[in-house]
Amino acid sequence: MVPKRRLLLRAALIGALIAPVLHAGENDALVKSIMKLRADVEKLYAQLQENKENYKAQMKSYTMQKADMEAQINRRETALKLLRANLQEAQKKADAMQKSNTDLTPLLYQAIDNLDSVIAGGIPFKVAERRAELRKIRAHLQDKTLSPEKGLSMVWASYDDMIRLTKEIGLFKQEIKVGGSDKLAQIAKLGSVALYFAAPGDEVGYVVKKGDGYDYQVTHDEKERAEIVALFDALKKQIRTGYFTLPNALVPEEVK
């Protein structure tokens, strides 16, 4: 029979041998945990740096788009001022001609041509209809079925309408050419600055400047689609003021 004291001594020795092993195992687990945490922190830091760079690039893009949009607005305001100045000058000449019994028709032809050029060069909002109305006035003046005085009133109203459209924001419908096909689309017009559309077949997009004209560009970018849909929803609810993030619709396509 083994003495009790010897058993206790043997148990103590075994415990002394096992304890360092257990302690070493705990240290290994702790080291591995620390290494994993460090790797996770480095990964998160790398992601943070990448997000910061992406944010800087996005803000730079927004700043450039804002500057471009402001420049476009300034150009249109300048054109509007010039249009008003031409209108006032035409009115002065018309008043002078009326007093001297001079024929107003040549002056009206000039005013019609000037306005026709402005409409043709502006955003493609009901261009055909508006130009057709001017051609109708000219035709009636030419065949004498419209008096110069009445013609002056109608041309004046056309100029007023043009000025109103430069400020008007709203939803309209018109035929547009998308992908080579004519489609009746819903149009969101923001003054004379930008024009967005929603066409049958779940096609949404915006008008872009292309050379001397404009092109209806369908967007497949999910972010841009969401922004345009949000604009249409707001206008349907008669919300015409507030902050909207929208694609920069009038930047030339090759620059975007």
Protein backbone atom coordinates (compact mmCIF):
# COMPACT_ATOMS: atom_id res chain seq x y z
CA MET A 1 0.00 0.00 0.00
CA VAL A 2 1.38 3.38 -1.07
CA PRO A 3 1.71 5.83 1.79
CA LYS A 4 -0.69 8.79 1.69
CA ARG A 5 2.17 11.28 1.84
CA ARG A 6 3.71 9.79 -1.31
CA LEU A 7 0.40 10.02 -3.15
CA LEU A 8 0.05 13.66 -2.24
CA LEU A 9 3.61 14.33 -3.38
CA ARG A 10 2.98 12.60 -6.71
CA ALA A 11 -0.22 14.59 -7.25
CA ALA A 12 1.63 17.82 -6.50
CA LEU A 13 4.33 16.95 -9.01
CA ILE A 14 1.79 16.13 -11.72
CA GLY A 15 -0.03 19.42 -11.03
CA ALA A 16 3.24 21.32 -11.25
CA LEU A 17 3.96 19.74 -14.64
CA ILE A 18 0.45 20.33 -16.09
CA ALA A 19 0.09 23.96 -14.94
CA PRO A 20 2.77 25.41 -17.27
CA VAL A 21 1.28 23.48 -20.18
CA LEU A 22 -2.17 24.90 -19.51
CA HIS A 23 -0.70 28.35 -19.02
CA ALA A 24 1.18 28.10 -22.33
CA GLY A 25 -2.03 27.06 -24.11
CA GLU A 26 -3.88 30.08 -22.71
CA ASN A 27 -1.04 32.36 -23.86
CA ASP A 28 -1.17 30.94 -27.37
CA ALA A 29 -4.91 31.53 -27.56
CA LEU A 30 -4.45 35.06 -26.25
CA VAL A 31 -1.68 35.78 -28.78
CA LYS A 32 -3.83 34.45 -31.61
CA SER A 33 -6.77 36.56 -30.43
CA ILE A 34 -4.59 39.68 -30.28
CA MET A 35 -3.17 38.97 -33.74
CA LYS A 36 -6.69 38.56 -35.15
CA LEU A 37 -7.82 41.80 -33.52
CA ARG A 38 -4.78 43.58 -34.90
CA ALA A 39 -5.49 42.24 -38.39
CA ASP A 40 -9.13 43.35 -38.08
CA VAL A 41 -8.05 46.83 -36.94
CA GLU A 42 -5.61 47.15 -39.85
CA LYS A 43 -8.32 46.02 -42.28
CA LEU A 44 -10.79 48.54 -40.85
CA TYR A 45 -8.15 51.27 -41.00
CA ALA A 46 -7.45 50.46 -44.66
CA GLN A 47 -11.19 50.58 -45.40
CA LEU A 48 -11.45 53.90 -43.55
CA GLN A 49 -8.62 55.36 -45.60
CA GLU A 50 -10.23 54.08 -48.81
CA ASN A 51 -13.60 55.56 -47.79
CA LYS A 52 -11.92 58.89 -47.01
CA GLU A 53 -10.30 58.95 -50.45
CA ASN A 54 -13.59 58.02 -52.12
CA TYR A 55 -15.36 60.75 -50.16
CA LYS A 56 -12.77 63.33 -51.19
CA ALA A 57 -13.09 62.30 -54.84
CA GLN A 58 -16.89 62.43 -54.61
CA MET A 59 -16.85 65.87 -52.99
CA LYS A 60 -14.44 67.10 -55.67
CA SER A 61 -16.79 65.78 -58.35
CA TYR A 62 -19.79 67.46 -56.67
CA THR A 63 -17.87 70.73 -56.40
CA MET A 64 -16.97 70.62 -60.11
CA GLN A 65 -20.56 69.78 -61.06
CA LYS A 66 -21.87 72.60 -58.87
CA ALA A 67 -19.46 75.08 -60.48
CA ASP A 68 -20.47 73.89 -63.94
CA MET A 69 -24.17 74.14 -63.12
CA GLU A 70 -23.69 77.66 -61.72
CA ALA A 71 -21.87 78.63 -64.92
CA GLN A 72 -24.75 77.24 -66.99
CA ILE A 73 -27.28 79.14 -64.89
CA ASN A 74 -25.25 82.34 -65.31
CA ARG A 75 -25.14 81.84 -69.08
CA ARG A 76 -28.89 81.36 -69.22
CA GLU A 77 -29.49 84.40 -67.00
CA THR A 78 -27.30 86.42 -69.36
CA ALA A 79 -29.26 85.11 -72.34
CA LEU A 80 -32.50 85.99 -70.56
CA LYS A 81 -31.27 89.52 -69.88
CA LEU A 82 -30.31 89.86 -73.54
CA LEU A 83 -33.73 88.58 -74.55
CA ARG A 84 -35.43 91.15 -72.35
CA ALA A 85 -33.20 93.90 -73.70
CA ASN A 86 -34.09 92.88 -77.27
CA LEU A 87 -37.74 92.85 -76.34
CA GLN A 88 -37.57 96.32 -74.84
CA GLU A 89 -35.67 97.60 -77.86
CA ALA A 90 -38.24 96.06 -80.18
CA GLN A 91 -41.03 97.68 -78.19
CA LYS A 92 -39.37 101.08 -78.47
CA LYS A 93 -38.97 100.68 -82.22
CA ALA A 94 -42.56 99.49 -82.53
CA ASP A 95 -43.84 102.49 -80.59
CA ALA A 96 -41.80 104.83 -82.78
CA MET A 97 -43.03 103.15 -85.95
CA GLN A 98 -46.64 103.28 -84.82
CA LYS A 99 -46.35 106.99 -84.21
CA SER A 100 -44.83 107.53 -87.66
CA ASN A 101 -47.26 105.10 -89.36
CA THR A 102 -44.30 102.95 -90.46
CA ASP A 103 -44.91 99.29 -91.38
CA LEU A 104 -44.12 97.10 -88.37
CA THR A 105 -43.87 93.89 -90.38
CA PRO A 106 -40.05 93.89 -91.00
CA LEU A 107 -39.46 94.50 -87.29
CA LEU A 108 -41.81 91.65 -86.39
CA TYR A 109 -40.01 89.30 -88.79
CA GLN A 110 -36.74 90.14 -87.04
CA ALA A 111 -38.25 89.62 -83.58
CA ILE A 112 -39.71 86.27 -84.68
CA ASP A 113 -36.35 85.13 -86.11
CA ASN A 114 -34.52 86.12 -82.91
CA LEU A 115 -36.95 84.24 -80.71
CA ASP A 116 -36.93 81.24 -83.05
CA SER A 117 -33.12 81.01 -82.69
CA VAL A 118 -33.37 81.15 -78.90
CA ILE A 119 -35.96 78.35 -78.84
CA ALA A 120 -33.97 76.19 -81.28
CA GLY A 121 -30.81 76.53 -79.18
CA GLY A 122 -32.46 76.01 -75.79
CA ILE A 123 -33.29 72.78 -73.98
CA PRO A 124 -35.59 70.59 -76.11
CA PHE A 125 -38.88 71.40 -74.41
CA LYS A 126 -41.81 71.39 -76.86
CA VAL A 127 -39.49 72.97 -79.44
CA ALA A 128 -41.50 71.88 -82.49
CA GLU A 129 -44.78 73.28 -81.12
CA ARG A 130 -43.27 76.60 -80.05
CA ARG A 131 -41.44 77.14 -83.36
CA ALA A 132 -44.57 76.13 -85.30
CA GLU A 133 -46.52 78.84 -83.47
CA LEU A 134 -43.97 81.45 -84.55
CA ARG A 135 -44.10 80.21 -88.17
CA LYS A 136 -47.87 80.54 -88.06
CA ILE A 137 -47.62 84.18 -86.95
CA ARG A 138 -45.10 84.88 -89.73
CA ALA A 139 -47.33 83.20 -92.34
CA HIS A 140 -50.36 85.24 -91.29
CA LEU A 141 -48.31 88.44 -91.46
CA GLN A 142 -47.09 87.52 -94.93
CA ASP A 143 -50.55 86.79 -96.33
CA LYS A 144 -52.00 89.89 -94.61
CA THR A 145 -54.55 87.89 -92.60
CA LEU A 146 -52.96 89.31 -89.46
CA SER A 147 -52.46 93.02 -88.91
CA PRO A 148 -49.03 94.23 -87.78
CA GLU A 149 -50.58 95.58 -84.58
CA LYS A 150 -52.17 92.22 -83.73
CA GLY A 151 -48.96 90.46 -84.79
CA LEU A 152 -46.97 92.66 -82.41
CA SER A 153 -49.25 91.63 -79.55
CA MET A 154 -48.81 87.93 -80.39
CA VAL A 155 -45.02 88.18 -80.74
CA TRP A 156 -44.87 90.05 -77.44
CA ALA A 157 -46.87 87.24 -75.81
CA SER A 158 -44.44 84.68 -77.28
CA TYR A 159 -41.51 86.53 -75.69
CA ASP A 160 -43.35 86.65 -72.37
CA ASP A 161 -43.97 82.91 -72.64
CA MET A 162 -40.28 82.30 -73.29
CA ILE A 163 -39.31 84.28 -70.19
CA ARG A 164 -41.90 82.39 -68.11
CA LEU A 165 -40.53 79.02 -69.26
CA THR A 166 -37.02 79.93 -68.09
CA LYS A 167 -38.35 79.98 -64.50
CA GLU A 168 -41.03 77.29 -64.66
CA ILE A 169 -40.56 73.98 -62.85
CA GLY A 170 -43.05 71.19 -63.45
CA LEU A 171 -44.13 67.93 -65.06
CA PHE A 172 -45.19 67.74 -68.71
CA LYS A 173 -45.63 65.17 -71.48
CA GLN A 174 -44.00 65.26 -74.89
CA GLU A 175 -42.64 62.98 -77.57
CA ILE A 176 -38.94 62.27 -77.31
CA LYS A 177 -36.51 60.12 -79.30
CA VAL A 178 -34.92 57.39 -77.17
CA GLY A 179 -32.72 54.76 -78.76
CA GLY A 180 -33.88 55.76 -82.23
CA SER A 181 -37.59 55.41 -81.34
CA ASP A 182 -40.18 58.14 -80.70
CA LYS A 183 -41.86 57.71 -77.31
CA LEU A 184 -44.42 59.72 -75.36
CA ALA A 185 -42.62 60.44 -72.11
CA GLN A 186 -43.18 62.34 -68.91
CA ILE A 187 -40.85 65.32 -68.63
CA ALA A 188 -39.54 67.06 -65.52
CA LYS A 189 -38.39 70.54 -66.56
CA LEU A 190 -36.28 72.67 -64.22
CA GLY A 191 -36.55 76.11 -65.77
CA SER A 192 -34.21 76.34 -68.74
CA VAL A 193 -31.39 74.58 -66.86
CA ALA A 194 -32.18 70.86 -66.96
CA LEU A 195 -34.68 68.33 -68.29
CA TYR A 196 -35.30 64.78 -67.07
CA PHE A 197 -37.61 62.13 -68.53
CA ALA A 198 -39.44 58.92 -67.67
CA ALA A 199 -40.34 56.90 -70.77
CA PRO A 200 -42.39 53.71 -71.21
CA GLY A 201 -40.42 50.54 -70.51
CA ASP A 202 -39.07 51.85 -67.19
CA GLU A 203 -36.53 54.07 -68.98
CA VAL A 204 -35.44 57.15 -67.07
CA GLY A 205 -32.73 59.64 -67.95
CA TYR A 206 -31.90 63.19 -68.82
CA VAL A 207 -31.05 65.51 -71.66
CA VAL A 208 -27.35 66.04 -72.36
CA LYS A 209 -25.70 68.65 -74.55
CA LYS A 210 -24.21 67.05 -77.62
CA GLY A 211 -22.49 69.32 -80.11
CA ASP A 212 -24.95 72.00 -81.17
CA GLY A 213 -27.94 69.95 -80.07
CA TYR A 214 -29.24 67.74 -77.30
CA ASP A 215 -29.64 64.01 -76.77
CA TYR A 216 -32.00 61.99 -74.55
CA GLN A 217 -29.72 59.72 -72.54
CA VAL A 218 -31.13 56.72 -70.63
CA THR A 219 -29.27 56.07 -67.38
CA HIS A 220 -28.68 52.58 -65.99
CA ASP A 221 -26.85 53.84 -62.91
CA GLU A 222 -28.97 52.84 -59.88
CA LYS A 223 -28.08 55.98 -57.94
CA GLU A 224 -29.00 58.31 -60.80
CA ARG A 225 -32.23 56.37 -61.42
CA ALA A 226 -33.20 56.72 -57.76
CA GLU A 227 -32.45 60.47 -57.83
CA ILE A 228 -34.59 61.04 -60.94
CA VAL A 229 -37.48 58.94 -59.60
CA ALA A 230 -37.35 60.95 -56.35
CA LEU A 231 -37.59 64.19 -58.37
CA PHE A 232 -40.66 62.95 -60.27
CA ASP A 233 -42.31 61.83 -57.02
CA ALA A 234 -41.69 65.25 -55.44
CA LEU A 235 -43.10 67.15 -58.45
CA LYS A 236 -46.17 64.89 -58.51
CA LYS A 237 -46.73 65.92 -54.88
CA GLN A 238 -46.38 69.60 -55.90
CA ILE A 239 -43.06 69.88 -54.04
CA ARG A 240 -41.05 72.40 -56.06
CA THR A 241 -38.66 73.71 -53.42
CA GLY A 242 -36.06 71.95 -51.33
CA TYR A 243 -32.74 70.17 -51.73
CA PHE A 244 -32.45 67.55 -54.46
CA THR A 245 -29.40 65.58 -55.57
CA LEU A 246 -29.63 65.05 -59.33
CA PRO A 247 -27.40 63.98 -62.22
CA ASN A 248 -25.74 66.96 -63.89
CA ALA A 249 -27.92 66.77 -66.97
CA LEU A 250 -26.41 69.43 -69.22
CA VAL A 251 -22.72 68.62 -68.96
CA PRO A 252 -21.48 67.58 -72.44
CA GLU A 253 -21.40 63.79 -72.61
CA GLU A 254 -17.71 63.55 -73.43
CA VAL A 255 -16.81 65.61 -70.32
CA LYS A 256 -18.90 63.68 -67.81
